[in-house]
Amino acid sequence: MPQQPTMQITYVDRPEVSETFADTVEKLSFDGQTLRMELCVTRMDDPHPPNPPTGKKYTACRLVLPPLAAIDLANKLQQLVVMLEQQGIVKRGAPPAAGTTH
């Protein structure tokens, strides 16, 4: 049985693609074919003391990945978490500090 040739894929950066900022992952689902993520950004309203702060959460991006890309994302995120742990930036399993929100 002849071996199939290995595919050579070259990464090409496209600086003109705009960057998307998100501060929360609102929804995450897998339908058997694709991983779907909805990323959101929180925008605060003008303050009106003594009322508590208010804001709105807006969808910033909807990302849809096939299973192999989702696994690649998970692996790369895991590598990043390990690096952040080694640098002491994050601690696995540590409860959030008092007064913080996510």
Protein backbone atom coordinates (compact mmCIF):
# COMPACT_ATOMS: atom_id res chain seq x y z
CA MET A 1 0.00 0.00 0.00
CA PRO A 2 1.68 3.27 -1.12
CA GLN A 3 2.04 6.04 1.45
CA GLN A 4 0.23 9.29 0.82
CA PRO A 5 2.51 12.32 0.53
CA THR A 6 2.63 14.59 3.58
CA MET A 7 0.79 17.84 3.05
CA GLN A 8 2.87 21.03 3.35
CA ILE A 9 0.86 24.00 4.63
CA THR A 10 2.50 27.41 4.98
CA TYR A 11 1.12 29.95 7.47
CA VAL A 12 0.49 33.37 5.92
CA ASP A 13 -0.12 36.28 8.31
CA ARG A 14 -2.72 38.83 7.21
CA PRO A 15 -2.14 42.02 9.24
CA GLU A 16 -5.22 43.66 7.71
CA VAL A 17 -7.54 41.27 9.58
CA SER A 18 -8.98 43.21 12.49
CA GLU A 19 -8.50 42.08 16.08
CA THR A 20 -11.53 41.17 18.19
CA PHE A 21 -11.54 41.83 21.93
CA ALA A 22 -13.76 39.78 24.23
CA ASP A 23 -13.86 39.60 28.02
CA THR A 24 -16.21 36.63 28.39
CA VAL A 25 -17.15 33.39 26.69
CA GLU A 26 -20.93 33.58 26.81
CA LYS A 27 -21.89 30.34 25.11
CA LEU A 28 -20.05 27.19 24.19
CA SER A 29 -21.62 24.18 22.49
CA PHE A 30 -20.70 21.17 20.39
CA ASP A 31 -23.30 19.72 18.03
CA GLY A 32 -21.28 16.69 16.95
CA GLN A 33 -19.85 18.50 13.92
CA THR A 34 -18.68 21.91 15.16
CA LEU A 35 -17.66 23.70 18.34
CA ARG A 36 -19.53 26.99 18.56
CA MET A 37 -18.33 29.81 20.79
CA GLU A 38 -19.96 33.16 21.38
CA LEU A 39 -17.49 35.71 22.74
CA CYS A 40 -18.77 38.90 24.36
CA VAL A 41 -17.53 42.26 25.56
CA THR A 42 -18.96 44.14 28.54
CA ARG A 43 -19.54 47.87 28.17
CA MET A 44 -20.32 49.90 31.22
CA ASP A 45 -22.99 52.63 31.23
CA ASP A 46 -22.20 56.13 32.46
CA PRO A 47 -22.13 56.11 36.27
CA HIS A 48 -25.08 57.60 38.16
CA PRO A 49 -24.17 57.56 41.87
CA PRO A 50 -25.52 56.52 44.27
CA ASN A 51 -27.01 53.86 41.97
CA PRO A 52 -24.91 50.73 41.45
CA PRO A 53 -22.91 50.48 38.21
CA THR A 54 -24.77 49.07 35.21
CA GLY A 55 -23.65 47.83 31.83
CA LYS A 56 -24.49 45.64 28.90
CA LYS A 57 -22.84 42.56 27.42
CA TYR A 58 -22.56 42.56 23.62
CA THR A 59 -21.65 39.76 21.25
CA ALA A 60 -18.20 40.55 19.84
CA CYS A 61 -17.58 37.37 17.83
CA ARG A 62 -19.11 34.02 16.99
CA LEU A 63 -16.42 31.43 16.33
CA VAL A 64 -17.22 28.06 14.76
CA LEU A 65 -14.53 25.36 14.67
CA PRO A 66 -14.46 21.82 13.28
CA PRO A 67 -13.42 19.13 15.80
CA LEU A 68 -9.72 19.06 14.85
CA ALA A 69 -9.40 22.84 15.21
CA ALA A 70 -11.26 22.69 18.55
CA ILE A 71 -8.81 20.06 19.81
CA ASP A 72 -5.89 22.17 18.57
CA LEU A 73 -7.32 25.18 20.45
CA ALA A 74 -7.76 23.12 23.63
CA ASN A 75 -4.18 21.82 23.43
CA LYS A 76 -2.73 25.29 22.87
CA LEU A 77 -4.79 26.75 25.73
CA GLN A 78 -3.56 23.96 28.00
CA GLN A 79 0.05 24.74 27.05
CA LEU A 80 -0.59 28.42 27.81
CA VAL A 81 -2.10 27.60 31.23
CA VAL A 82 0.92 25.44 32.10
CA MET A 83 3.27 28.29 31.12
CA LEU A 84 1.26 30.80 33.20
CA GLU A 85 1.34 28.41 36.18
CA GLN A 86 5.12 27.99 35.84
CA GLN A 87 5.49 31.78 35.86
CA GLY A 88 3.25 32.05 38.95
CA ILE A 89 0.68 34.17 37.11
CA VAL A 90 -2.18 31.71 37.69
CA LYS A 91 -2.74 28.92 40.18
CA ARG A 92 -4.84 25.93 39.18
CA GLY A 93 -7.86 25.36 41.39
CA ALA A 94 -7.37 28.58 43.35
CA PRO A 95 -10.66 30.28 44.19
CA PRO A 96 -11.15 33.76 42.70
CA ALA A 97 -10.06 36.64 44.90
CA ALA A 98 -12.79 38.38 46.90
CA GLY A 99 -14.48 41.14 44.96
CA THR A 100 -13.47 39.90 41.52
CA THR A 101 -15.96 39.15 38.79
CA HIS A 102 -15.73 37.19 35.59
